[in-house]
Amino acid sequence: MRATDAVGEYGERLAVRHLESLGYRVLHRRWRCARGEIDIVAVDGRCLVVCEVKTRRSLGTGGPAEAVTAAKLARLRRLAALWLDQQEASWPDVRVDVVGVVLPPSGRARVEHLRGVG
């Protein structure tokens, strides 16, 4: 496993732990189809949440959430529609969240959760 993959995997585990601490129910991690991947699919109350996770070791290139562009959000919305098409259940609301994780050289990781970004 490449170092960047390991960092991303660790960030996703922290993101799942964070979401579950807020009462979210995680349905899928790394859901994939031919058109892309959703990092986390979760349920927050009656709302389906498609969550993008960005993990960084430093802020040298900006915060993790800054890496989620308008094009990435549009792709996540398309992927959410594909995921929903495969489900029997339905949700009255669907939103896109971003969880940014910063892993400093020492100390605790910082988790930033942005709700309803797209």
C-alpha atoms as a PDB file:
ATOM      1  CA  MET A   1       0.000   0.000   0.000  1.00  0.00           C
ATOM      2  CA  ARG A   2       1.349   3.416  -0.927  1.00  0.00           C
ATOM      3  CA  ALA A   3       1.843   5.946   1.865  1.00  0.00           C
ATOM      4  CA  THR A   4      -0.827   8.247   0.409  1.00  0.00           C
ATOM      5  CA  ASP A   5      -3.297   5.364   0.292  1.00  0.00           C
ATOM      6  CA  ALA A   6      -2.555   4.551   3.936  1.00  0.00           C
ATOM      7  CA  VAL A   7      -3.104   8.187   4.912  1.00  0.00           C
ATOM      8  CA  GLY A   8      -6.411   8.244   3.034  1.00  0.00           C
ATOM      9  CA  GLU A   9      -7.544   4.976   4.610  1.00  0.00           C
ATOM     10  CA  TYR A  10      -6.722   6.278   8.086  1.00  0.00           C
ATOM     11  CA  GLY A  11      -8.596   9.518   7.373  1.00  0.00           C
ATOM     12  CA  GLU A  12     -11.652   7.552   6.246  1.00  0.00           C
ATOM     13  CA  ARG A  13     -11.605   5.499   9.455  1.00  0.00           C
ATOM     14  CA  LEU A  14     -11.480   8.719  11.494  1.00  0.00           C
ATOM     15  CA  ALA A  15     -14.317  10.164   9.398  1.00  0.00           C
ATOM     16  CA  VAL A  16     -16.475   7.074  10.008  1.00  0.00           C
ATOM     17  CA  ARG A  17     -15.768   7.271  13.730  1.00  0.00           C
ATOM     18  CA  HIS A  18     -16.692  10.978  13.709  1.00  0.00           C
ATOM     19  CA  LEU A  19     -19.947  10.420  11.823  1.00  0.00           C
ATOM     20  CA  GLU A  20     -20.945   7.520  14.062  1.00  0.00           C
ATOM     21  CA  SER A  21     -20.243   9.670  17.137  1.00  0.00           C
ATOM     22  CA  LEU A  22     -22.851  12.096  15.774  1.00  0.00           C
ATOM     23  CA  GLY A  23     -25.399   9.296  15.431  1.00  0.00           C
ATOM     24  CA  TYR A  24     -25.012   8.656  11.707  1.00  0.00           C
ATOM     25  CA  ARG A  25     -25.474   5.094  10.510  1.00  0.00           C
ATOM     26  CA  VAL A  26     -22.809   4.185   7.955  1.00  0.00           C
ATOM     27  CA  LEU A  27     -24.223   2.027   5.159  1.00  0.00           C
ATOM     28  CA  HIS A  28     -21.209   1.752   2.864  1.00  0.00           C
ATOM     29  CA  ARG A  29     -17.551   2.649   2.711  1.00  0.00           C
ATOM     30  CA  ARG A  30     -15.878   3.027  -0.648  1.00  0.00           C
ATOM     31  CA  TRP A  31     -18.928   2.230  -2.757  1.00  0.00           C
ATOM     32  CA  ARG A  32     -17.719   1.845  -6.320  1.00  0.00           C
ATOM     33  CA  CYS A  33     -19.222   1.647  -9.751  1.00  0.00           C
ATOM     34  CA  ALA A  34     -17.872   2.167 -13.254  1.00  0.00           C
ATOM     35  CA  ARG A  35     -18.287   5.935 -12.908  1.00  0.00           C
ATOM     36  CA  GLY A  36     -16.448   6.474  -9.637  1.00  0.00           C
ATOM     37  CA  GLU A  37     -16.442   6.012  -5.899  1.00  0.00           C
ATOM     38  CA  ILE A  38     -18.298   7.386  -2.909  1.00  0.00           C
ATOM     39  CA  ASP A  39     -16.112   7.392   0.207  1.00  0.00           C
ATOM     40  CA  ILE A  40     -18.961   7.029   2.704  1.00  0.00           C
ATOM     41  CA  VAL A  41     -22.716   6.548   2.348  1.00  0.00           C
ATOM     42  CA  ALA A  42     -24.505   7.166   5.636  1.00  0.00           C
ATOM     43  CA  VAL A  43     -27.886   8.025   7.093  1.00  0.00           C
ATOM     44  CA  ASP A  44     -28.430  11.038   9.349  1.00  0.00           C
ATOM     45  CA  GLY A  45     -31.960  10.718  10.705  1.00  0.00           C
ATOM     46  CA  ARG A  46     -34.098  10.543   7.572  1.00  0.00           C
ATOM     47  CA  CYS A  47     -31.431  12.036   5.319  1.00  0.00           C
ATOM     48  CA  LEU A  48     -29.093  10.044   3.107  1.00  0.00           C
ATOM     49  CA  VAL A  49     -25.593  11.516   3.262  1.00  0.00           C
ATOM     50  CA  VAL A  50     -22.990  11.029   0.556  1.00  0.00           C
ATOM     51  CA  CYS A  51     -19.703  11.946   2.174  1.00  0.00           C
ATOM     52  CA  GLU A  52     -16.406  12.846   0.562  1.00  0.00           C
ATOM     53  CA  VAL A  53     -13.351  12.462   2.801  1.00  0.00           C
ATOM     54  CA  LYS A  54     -10.141  14.406   2.200  1.00  0.00           C
ATOM     55  CA  THR A  55      -7.092  13.760   4.348  1.00  0.00           C
ATOM     56  CA  ARG A  56      -3.922  15.838   4.462  1.00  0.00           C
ATOM     57  CA  ARG A  57      -0.710  15.645   6.455  1.00  0.00           C
ATOM     58  CA  SER A  58      -0.232  19.404   6.300  1.00  0.00           C
ATOM     59  CA  LEU A  59      -2.002  22.547   5.189  1.00  0.00           C
ATOM     60  CA  GLY A  60       0.766  23.449   2.741  1.00  0.00           C
ATOM     61  CA  THR A  61      -1.554  23.038  -0.239  1.00  0.00           C
ATOM     62  CA  GLY A  62      -4.624  24.339   1.591  1.00  0.00           C
ATOM     63  CA  GLY A  63      -7.220  22.700   3.767  1.00  0.00           C
ATOM     64  CA  PRO A  64      -8.619  19.307   2.843  1.00  0.00           C
ATOM     65  CA  ALA A  65     -12.089  20.635   2.023  1.00  0.00           C
ATOM     66  CA  GLU A  66     -10.587  23.049  -0.509  1.00  0.00           C
ATOM     67  CA  ALA A  67      -9.766  20.041  -2.693  1.00  0.00           C
ATOM     68  CA  VAL A  68     -13.483  19.363  -3.248  1.00  0.00           C
ATOM     69  CA  THR A  69     -14.239  21.291  -6.409  1.00  0.00           C
ATOM     70  CA  ALA A  70     -17.561  22.063  -8.066  1.00  0.00           C
ATOM     71  CA  ALA A  71     -16.799  19.305 -10.590  1.00  0.00           C
ATOM     72  CA  LYS A  72     -16.203  16.813  -7.757  1.00  0.00           C
ATOM     73  CA  LEU A  73     -19.508  17.809  -6.122  1.00  0.00           C
ATOM     74  CA  ALA A  74     -21.355  17.336  -9.422  1.00  0.00           C
ATOM     75  CA  ARG A  75     -19.777  13.899  -9.798  1.00  0.00           C
ATOM     76  CA  LEU A  76     -20.801  12.979  -6.226  1.00  0.00           C
ATOM     77  CA  ARG A  77     -24.402  13.980  -6.985  1.00  0.00           C
ATOM     78  CA  ARG A  78     -24.371  11.749 -10.087  1.00  0.00           C
ATOM     79  CA  LEU A  79     -22.883   8.877  -8.091  1.00  0.00           C
ATOM     80  CA  ALA A  80     -25.502   9.361  -5.375  1.00  0.00           C
ATOM     81  CA  ALA A  81     -28.229   9.017  -8.012  1.00  0.00           C
ATOM     82  CA  LEU A  82     -26.640   5.787  -9.258  1.00  0.00           C
ATOM     83  CA  TRP A  83     -26.383   4.443  -5.692  1.00  0.00           C
ATOM     84  CA  LEU A  84     -30.035   5.327  -5.031  1.00  0.00           C
ATOM     85  CA  ASP A  85     -31.130   3.545  -8.223  1.00  0.00           C
ATOM     86  CA  GLN A  86     -29.729   0.304  -6.771  1.00  0.00           C
ATOM     87  CA  GLN A  87     -31.592   0.581  -3.462  1.00  0.00           C
ATOM     88  CA  GLU A  88     -35.016  -0.638  -2.440  1.00  0.00           C
ATOM     89  CA  ALA A  89     -35.354   1.960   0.320  1.00  0.00           C
ATOM     90  CA  SER A  90     -35.846   5.649  -0.347  1.00  0.00           C
ATOM     91  CA  TRP A  91     -34.904   8.780   1.554  1.00  0.00           C
ATOM     92  CA  PRO A  92     -36.841  12.036   1.645  1.00  0.00           C
ATOM     93  CA  ASP A  93     -33.607  14.048   1.653  1.00  0.00           C
ATOM     94  CA  VAL A  94     -30.149  13.546   0.197  1.00  0.00           C
ATOM     95  CA  ARG A  95     -27.152  15.750   0.862  1.00  0.00           C
ATOM     96  CA  VAL A  96     -23.409  15.836   0.258  1.00  0.00           C
ATOM     97  CA  ASP A  97     -21.058  16.347   3.209  1.00  0.00           C
ATOM     98  CA  VAL A  98     -17.299  16.760   3.278  1.00  0.00           C
ATOM     99  CA  VAL A  99     -15.112  15.534   6.112  1.00  0.00           C
ATOM    100  CA  GLY A 100     -11.626  17.023   6.091  1.00  0.00           C
ATOM    101  CA  VAL A 101      -8.953  15.355   8.208  1.00  0.00           C
ATOM    102  CA  VAL A 102      -5.580  16.911   8.981  1.00  0.00           C
ATOM    103  CA  LEU A 103      -2.894  14.634  10.411  1.00  0.00           C
ATOM    104  CA  PRO A 104      -0.206  16.865  11.966  1.00  0.00           C
ATOM    105  CA  PRO A 105       3.321  15.521  12.594  1.00  0.00           C
ATOM    106  CA  SER A 106       2.474  15.269  16.273  1.00  0.00           C
ATOM    107  CA  GLY A 107      -0.690  15.489  18.318  1.00  0.00           C
ATOM    108  CA  ARG A 108      -4.255  14.589  17.535  1.00  0.00           C
ATOM    109  CA  ALA A 109      -5.822  14.587  14.115  1.00  0.00           C
ATOM    110  CA  ARG A 110      -8.212  17.442  13.372  1.00  0.00           C
ATOM    111  CA  VAL A 111     -11.566  16.598  11.817  1.00  0.00           C
ATOM    112  CA  GLU A 112     -13.685  19.239  10.093  1.00  0.00           C
ATOM    113  CA  HIS A 113     -17.209  18.279   8.999  1.00  0.00           C
ATOM    114  CA  LEU A 114     -19.005  20.442   6.449  1.00  0.00           C
ATOM    115  CA  ARG A 115     -22.686  19.567   6.027  1.00  0.00           C
ATOM    116  CA  GLY A 116     -24.726  20.089   2.906  1.00  0.00           C
ATOM    117  CA  VAL A 117     -21.997  21.367   0.628  1.00  0.00           C
ATOM    118  CA  GLY A 118     -23.593  20.214  -2.575  1.00  0.00           C
END
